[in-house]
């Protein structure tokens, strides 16, 4: 092969690399745009009164960061059962106040987390690496066991927090928990349990070009774009001081269900219950009913309850208490 031919090949390759680099740069530069305010989510969140909620407590994660949670001691003084509560996307520990209060009154110590990247835990909207939230949860369990070494743990998660709880259930850390209760869980972008993300039910707006570019660059060892915002939520403008309005790529990837969500349900060996509302505007209750019982999941569908109602409506609270009180919980 002649020098001239090699030169032409090299120049062609350089042109392709340059074109790919320009394309990736343009895709990364595409701005994250929030969808219009989703009124039902905002109104539901406003129904949860923070008056009387416990002040923040904190524990130190393995990286030295102090992470926040609200502690609701069991009214009976018992320390044999602890429930850790994971809020939905964009929210904070206060979203779980009604559930935590009811658990404490029923004799279960409740710990409502500000998941790292939310509320008073870390940098809002970002984490350092995928899997950091799993490590944080393991650190919290270890911290709580210091005061209650024989306690049995439950994990309760709402929406994205429900998907995260499923991630934990299907992982080695799942062995630390006796029971999982998923409230209207988000099972991933391709799950059949999602309603179409358009119109009145559009809660999140992913930046697809940026996500595609981030995935492509990760495959060749470039990971810095994972810190960029990749998805935005339909929060009301007046709520933005108290919520997390966008996630980085790595937070979006960690605070969700595993890709093999069916496998995670099966690995949990029947220790999972799902509670959802028939009127959920984000999730399809009938799809839950169709897809989950064959995987060994106990299902409760509540009539006239929407996506946020599952964390504060009295009938939802009763269903949650019943779910963690089942044999083996």
Protein backbone atom coordinates (compact mmCIF):
# COMPACT_ATOMS: atom_id res chain seq x y z
CA UNK A 1 0.00 0.00 0.00
CA UNK A 2 1.44 3.34 -1.03
CA UNK A 3 2.22 6.25 1.27
CA UNK A 4 -0.38 8.27 -0.62
CA UNK A 5 -3.07 5.66 0.07
CA UNK A 6 -2.18 5.48 3.77
CA UNK A 7 -2.31 9.24 3.98
CA UNK A 8 -5.78 9.31 2.45
CA UNK A 9 -6.98 6.61 4.87
CA UNK A 10 -5.54 8.49 7.85
CA UNK A 11 -7.15 11.73 6.73
CA UNK A 12 -10.47 9.94 6.26
CA UNK A 13 -10.29 8.47 9.77
CA UNK A 14 -9.42 11.86 11.22
CA UNK A 15 -12.40 13.38 9.43
CA UNK A 16 -14.69 10.71 10.83
CA UNK A 17 -13.33 11.20 14.35
CA UNK A 18 -13.68 14.94 14.00
CA UNK A 19 -17.25 14.63 12.75
CA UNK A 20 -18.11 12.28 15.64
CA UNK A 21 -16.55 14.67 18.13
CA UNK A 22 -18.52 17.60 16.73
CA UNK A 23 -21.74 15.56 16.79
CA UNK A 24 -21.13 14.50 20.41
CA UNK A 25 -20.36 18.10 21.41
CA UNK A 26 -23.59 19.34 19.82
CA UNK A 27 -25.59 16.59 21.54
CA UNK A 28 -24.03 17.38 24.91
CA UNK A 29 -24.76 21.08 24.42
CA UNK A 30 -28.48 20.49 24.01
CA UNK A 31 -30.15 22.14 27.04
CA UNK A 32 -32.35 20.27 29.52
CA UNK A 33 -35.85 21.72 29.30
CA UNK A 34 -38.41 21.08 32.07
CA UNK A 35 -41.93 20.10 31.06
CA UNK A 36 -44.90 22.29 32.05
CA UNK A 37 -45.93 22.11 35.71
CA UNK A 38 -47.82 18.92 36.51
CA UNK A 39 -50.51 20.32 38.77
CA UNK A 40 -51.63 17.03 40.32
CA UNK A 41 -48.13 16.30 41.65
CA UNK A 42 -47.70 19.82 43.04
CA UNK A 43 -51.15 19.83 44.65
CA UNK A 44 -50.59 16.39 46.15
CA UNK A 45 -47.25 17.44 47.62
CA UNK A 46 -48.85 20.54 49.14
CA UNK A 47 -51.33 18.31 51.01
CA UNK A 48 -48.48 16.88 53.09
CA UNK A 49 -48.18 19.27 56.00
CA UNK A 50 -44.63 19.49 57.35
CA UNK A 51 -45.77 21.01 60.66
CA UNK A 52 -44.63 18.77 63.51
CA UNK A 53 -42.21 16.72 61.42
CA UNK A 54 -38.99 15.77 63.25
CA UNK A 55 -35.91 17.89 62.75
CA UNK A 56 -33.14 16.54 60.58
CA UNK A 57 -30.70 13.99 61.92
CA UNK A 58 -27.51 13.10 60.06
CA UNK A 59 -25.14 10.20 59.53
CA UNK A 60 -21.75 10.14 57.86
CA UNK A 61 -21.42 8.13 54.68
CA UNK A 62 -18.21 6.35 53.70
CA UNK A 63 -17.02 9.31 51.60
CA UNK A 64 -17.27 11.62 54.62
CA UNK A 65 -20.47 13.39 53.50
CA UNK A 66 -23.13 13.97 56.16
CA UNK A 67 -26.50 12.81 54.85
CA UNK A 68 -29.86 13.87 56.27
CA UNK A 69 -32.86 11.91 57.52
CA UNK A 70 -35.86 12.34 59.78
CA UNK A 71 -36.22 9.89 62.66
CA UNK A 72 -39.67 8.82 63.89
CA UNK A 73 -39.11 6.63 66.99
CA UNK A 74 -41.67 3.91 67.64
CA UNK A 75 -44.29 5.23 70.05
CA UNK A 76 -44.04 2.00 72.02
CA UNK A 77 -40.32 2.46 72.52
CA UNK A 78 -39.64 -0.81 70.67
CA UNK A 79 -36.45 -1.14 68.63
CA UNK A 80 -37.11 -4.47 66.96
CA UNK A 81 -38.49 -3.10 63.67
CA UNK A 82 -37.14 -0.27 61.52
CA UNK A 83 -38.55 0.98 58.22
CA UNK A 84 -36.40 3.11 55.91
CA UNK A 85 -38.41 5.35 53.58
CA UNK A 86 -37.25 6.55 50.14
CA UNK A 87 -39.14 9.47 48.57
CA UNK A 88 -40.05 9.93 44.91
CA UNK A 89 -38.07 11.75 42.23
CA UNK A 90 -37.37 15.43 42.91
CA UNK A 91 -38.78 15.23 46.45
CA UNK A 92 -37.29 14.91 49.96
CA UNK A 93 -37.94 13.13 53.23
CA UNK A 94 -40.95 15.30 54.07
CA UNK A 95 -42.93 13.55 51.32
CA UNK A 96 -42.95 10.43 53.51
CA UNK A 97 -44.05 12.19 56.72
CA UNK A 98 -47.59 10.75 56.85
CA UNK A 99 -46.36 7.21 56.33
CA UNK A 100 -43.52 7.59 58.84
CA UNK A 101 -45.85 9.02 61.48
CA UNK A 102 -48.28 6.12 61.06
CA UNK A 103 -45.48 3.56 61.24
CA UNK A 104 -44.17 5.07 64.47
CA UNK A 105 -47.64 4.98 65.99
CA UNK A 106 -47.88 1.31 65.00
CA UNK A 107 -44.64 0.47 66.83
CA UNK A 108 -42.20 0.62 63.91
CA UNK A 109 -39.32 3.08 64.00
CA UNK A 110 -39.34 5.03 60.73
CA UNK A 111 -36.35 6.68 59.07
CA UNK A 112 -37.27 9.01 56.19
CA UNK A 113 -34.21 9.80 54.06
CA UNK A 114 -33.19 12.78 52.04
CA UNK A 115 -31.61 10.62 49.35
CA UNK A 116 -28.19 11.98 48.34
CA UNK A 117 -28.71 14.62 45.66
CA UNK A 118 -31.97 15.75 47.28
CA UNK A 119 -33.01 17.99 50.14
CA UNK A 120 -30.24 18.42 52.68
CA UNK A 121 -28.09 15.50 51.46
CA UNK A 122 -25.12 16.35 49.28
CA UNK A 123 -25.22 18.39 46.08
CA UNK A 124 -28.74 18.67 44.74
CA UNK A 125 -29.22 16.85 41.47
CA UNK A 126 -25.94 14.92 41.42
CA UNK A 127 -23.95 12.09 42.97
CA UNK A 128 -20.32 11.08 42.51
CA UNK A 129 -20.84 7.69 40.82
CA UNK A 130 -23.52 5.18 39.94
CA UNK A 131 -24.00 2.91 42.92
CA UNK A 132 -23.29 5.62 45.48
CA UNK A 133 -26.91 5.57 46.66
CA UNK A 134 -26.65 1.83 47.31
CA UNK A 135 -23.51 2.46 49.37
CA UNK A 136 -25.27 5.24 51.29
CA UNK A 137 -28.13 2.91 52.18
CA UNK A 138 -25.71 0.23 53.38
CA UNK A 139 -23.97 2.85 55.53
CA UNK A 140 -27.30 3.97 57.03
CA UNK A 141 -28.29 0.40 57.89
CA UNK A 142 -24.92 -0.12 59.58
CA UNK A 143 -25.37 3.11 61.53
CA UNK A 144 -28.88 2.18 62.70
CA UNK A 145 -27.75 -1.30 63.72
CA UNK A 146 -25.39 0.22 66.27
CA UNK A 147 -28.40 1.19 68.41
CA UNK A 148 -30.63 -1.74 67.40
CA UNK A 149 -28.45 -4.74 66.48
CA UNK A 150 -31.36 -7.21 66.37
CA UNK A 151 -33.83 -5.04 64.46
CA UNK A 152 -35.60 -6.27 61.34
CA UNK A 153 -35.56 -3.78 58.46
CA UNK A 154 -38.14 -2.89 55.83
CA UNK A 155 -37.58 -0.62 52.84
CA UNK A 156 -40.48 1.49 51.55
CA UNK A 157 -40.11 3.56 48.39
CA UNK A 158 -42.41 5.79 46.36
CA UNK A 159 -42.24 6.16 42.56
CA UNK A 160 -38.52 6.47 41.68
CA UNK A 161 -37.85 5.53 45.31
CA UNK A 162 -39.92 2.40 44.69
CA UNK A 163 -37.76 1.58 41.67
CA UNK A 164 -34.67 2.13 43.80
CA UNK A 165 -36.10 -0.16 46.51
CA UNK A 166 -36.56 -2.83 43.83
CA UNK A 167 -32.93 -2.31 42.77
CA UNK A 168 -31.88 -2.99 46.35
CA UNK A 169 -34.22 -5.99 46.67
CA UNK A 170 -32.54 -7.66 43.71
CA UNK A 171 -29.00 -6.93 44.93
CA UNK A 172 -26.84 -8.47 47.70
CA UNK A 173 -27.84 -5.56 49.98
CA UNK A 174 -31.42 -6.84 49.76
CA UNK A 175 -30.53 -9.49 52.32
CA UNK A 176 -30.42 -6.73 54.97
CA UNK A 177 -34.19 -6.26 54.59
CA UNK A 178 -37.06 -8.56 55.50
CA UNK A 179 -39.68 -6.72 53.48
CA UNK A 180 -40.03 -4.21 50.63
CA UNK A 181 -43.11 -2.09 49.96
CA UNK A 182 -43.15 -0.27 46.62
CA UNK A 183 -45.63 2.59 46.24
CA UNK A 184 -46.57 3.29 42.60
CA UNK A 185 -43.04 2.22 41.63
CA UNK A 186 -41.34 3.54 38.51
CA UNK A 187 -39.89 0.42 36.90
CA UNK A 188 -37.82 2.10 34.20
CA UNK A 189 -38.39 4.00 30.98
CA UNK A 190 -39.44 0.93 28.96
CA UNK A 191 -41.63 -0.77 31.58
CA UNK A 192 -45.22 -1.50 30.52
CA UNK A 193 -46.45 -0.02 33.79
CA UNK A 194 -45.73 3.57 32.65
CA UNK A 195 -48.50 5.66 31.17
CA UNK A 196 -47.57 7.62 28.02
CA UNK A 197 -45.33 10.50 29.13
CA UNK A 198 -47.29 13.16 27.31
CA UNK A 199 -49.88 15.82 28.02
CA UNK A 200 -51.32 15.86 31.54
CA UNK A 201 -49.23 12.90 32.68
CA UNK A 202 -45.80 14.23 31.69
CA UNK A 203 -43.72 14.43 34.83
CA UNK A 204 -40.19 14.17 33.45
CA UNK A 205 -38.42 15.44 30.33
CA UNK A 206 -35.21 13.56 29.47
CA UNK A 207 -32.56 15.26 27.35
CA UNK A 208 -32.30 12.43 24.84
CA UNK A 209 -29.42 13.83 22.70
CA UNK A 210 -27.30 14.44 25.80
CA UNK A 211 -28.12 10.98 27.20
CA UNK A 212 -27.18 9.29 23.92
CA UNK A 213 -23.89 11.21 23.72
CA UNK A 214 -23.09 10.39 27.35
CA UNK A 215 -23.65 6.68 26.76
CA UNK A 216 -21.52 6.74 23.60
CA UNK A 217 -18.65 8.53 25.32
CA UNK A 218 -18.77 6.21 28.31
CA UNK A 219 -18.09 3.30 25.98
CA UNK A 220 -14.74 4.81 25.04
CA UNK A 221 -13.81 5.68 28.61
CA UNK A 222 -14.99 9.31 28.79
CA UNK A 223 -17.20 9.75 31.84
CA UNK A 224 -17.17 13.48 32.69
CA UNK A 225 -20.51 14.14 30.88
CA UNK A 226 -22.24 11.97 33.49
CA UNK A 227 -22.26 14.97 35.82
CA UNK A 228 -24.34 17.04 33.38
CA UNK A 229 -28.11 17.45 33.87
CA UNK A 230 -29.93 14.77 31.88
CA UNK A 231 -33.57 14.99 32.96
CA UNK A 232 -35.86 17.72 34.33
CA UNK A 233 -39.10 17.46 36.28
CA UNK A 234 -42.44 19.25 36.02
CA UNK A 235 -42.22 21.16 39.29
CA UNK A 236 -44.17 24.34 39.92
CA UNK A 237 -41.93 27.45 39.92
CA UNK A 238 -42.88 28.27 43.50
CA UNK A 239 -41.70 24.83 44.68
CA UNK A 240 -38.19 24.98 43.25
CA UNK A 241 -36.53 26.08 46.49
CA UNK A 242 -37.61 22.85 48.17
CA UNK A 243 -37.28 20.30 45.39
CA UNK A 244 -34.63 18.93 43.05
CA UNK A 245 -35.70 20.02 39.60
CA UNK A 246 -33.17 18.09 37.51
CA UNK A 247 -30.89 15.07 37.76
CA UNK A 248 -27.45 14.40 36.38
CA UNK A 249 -27.04 11.33 34.17
CA UNK A 250 -25.46 9.32 36.99
CA UNK A 251 -28.17 10.22 39.52
CA UNK A 252 -30.86 9.37 36.97
CA UNK A 253 -29.17 5.99 36.40
CA UNK A 254 -28.85 5.16 40.10
CA UNK A 255 -32.18 6.35 41.51
CA UNK A 256 -34.37 4.00 39.51
CA UNK A 257 -35.21 0.36 38.97
CA UNK A 258 -32.66 -2.05 37.49
CA UNK A 259 -32.87 -2.78 33.78
CA UNK A 260 -33.87 -6.36 34.60
CA UNK A 261 -36.77 -5.35 36.82
CA UNK A 262 -38.53 -8.67 36.42
CA UNK A 263 -35.40 -10.50 37.55
CA UNK A 264 -35.16 -8.24 40.61
CA UNK A 265 -38.70 -9.15 41.64
CA UNK A 266 -37.88 -12.84 41.26
CA UNK A 267 -34.63 -12.56 43.22
CA UNK A 268 -36.49 -10.92 46.12
CA UNK A 269 -38.32 -14.24 46.63
CA UNK A 270 -41.78 -12.89 47.36
CA UNK A 271 -40.74 -10.31 49.96
CA UNK A 272 -42.20 -7.44 47.92
CA UNK A 273 -45.63 -5.82 48.07
CA UNK A 274 -46.83 -3.11 45.68
CA UNK A 275 -49.45 -0.51 46.58
CA UNK A 276 -50.78 1.78 43.83
CA UNK A 277 -53.76 3.96 43.04
CA UNK A 278 -56.29 3.13 40.35
CA UNK A 279 -56.29 6.81 39.31
CA UNK A 280 -52.50 7.15 39.09
CA UNK A 281 -51.78 9.63 36.29
CA UNK A 282 -48.18 8.42 35.81
CA UNK A 283 -48.42 4.66 36.30
CA UNK A 284 -50.86 2.13 34.85
CA UNK A 285 -52.51 0.29 37.74
CA UNK A 286 -53.95 -2.38 35.45
CA UNK A 287 -50.49 -3.07 34.06
CA UNK A 288 -49.22 -3.60 37.61
CA UNK A 289 -52.10 -6.03 38.18
CA UNK A 290 -51.27 -7.87 34.97
CA UNK A 291 -47.47 -7.96 35.20
CA UNK A 292 -46.57 -8.34 38.88
CA UNK A 293 -48.57 -11.18 40.51
CA UNK A 294 -46.91 -13.81 38.24
CA UNK A 295 -43.60 -12.62 39.72
CA UNK A 296 -44.75 -13.37 43.27
CA UNK A 297 -45.70 -9.78 44.13
CA UNK A 298 -48.58 -9.00 46.49
CA UNK A 299 -50.69 -6.28 44.84
CA UNK A 300 -53.04 -3.70 46.34
CA UNK A 301 -54.83 -1.29 43.96
CA UNK A 302 -56.69 1.52 45.71
CA UNK A 303 -59.71 3.09 43.99
CA UNK A 304 -59.83 6.89 43.61
CA UNK A 305 -56.16 7.31 44.59
CA UNK A 306 -53.64 9.07 42.33
CA UNK A 307 -49.83 9.09 42.20
CA UNK A 308 -49.28 11.36 45.21
CA UNK A 309 -52.31 10.10 47.10
CA UNK A 310 -50.51 6.82 47.76
CA UNK A 311 -48.20 8.58 50.26
CA UNK A 312 -50.83 10.42 52.30
CA UNK A 313 -54.39 9.11 51.79
CA UNK A 314 -55.70 7.19 54.86
CA UNK A 315 -56.59 4.10 52.83
CA UNK A 316 -53.06 4.06 51.38
CA UNK A 317 -51.52 4.32 54.84
CA UNK A 318 -53.64 1.38 56.01
CA UNK A 319 -52.52 -0.68 53.02
CA UNK A 320 -48.86 0.10 53.72
CA UNK A 321 -49.17 -0.88 57.38
CA UNK A 322 -50.87 -4.13 56.35
CA UNK A 323 -48.12 -4.86 53.81
CA UNK A 324 -45.27 -4.64 56.31
CA UNK A 325 -47.29 -6.61 58.89
CA UNK A 326 -47.69 -9.66 56.64
CA UNK A 327 -46.11 -12.96 57.77
CA UNK A 328 -42.39 -12.91 57.25
CA UNK A 329 -42.19 -9.12 57.41
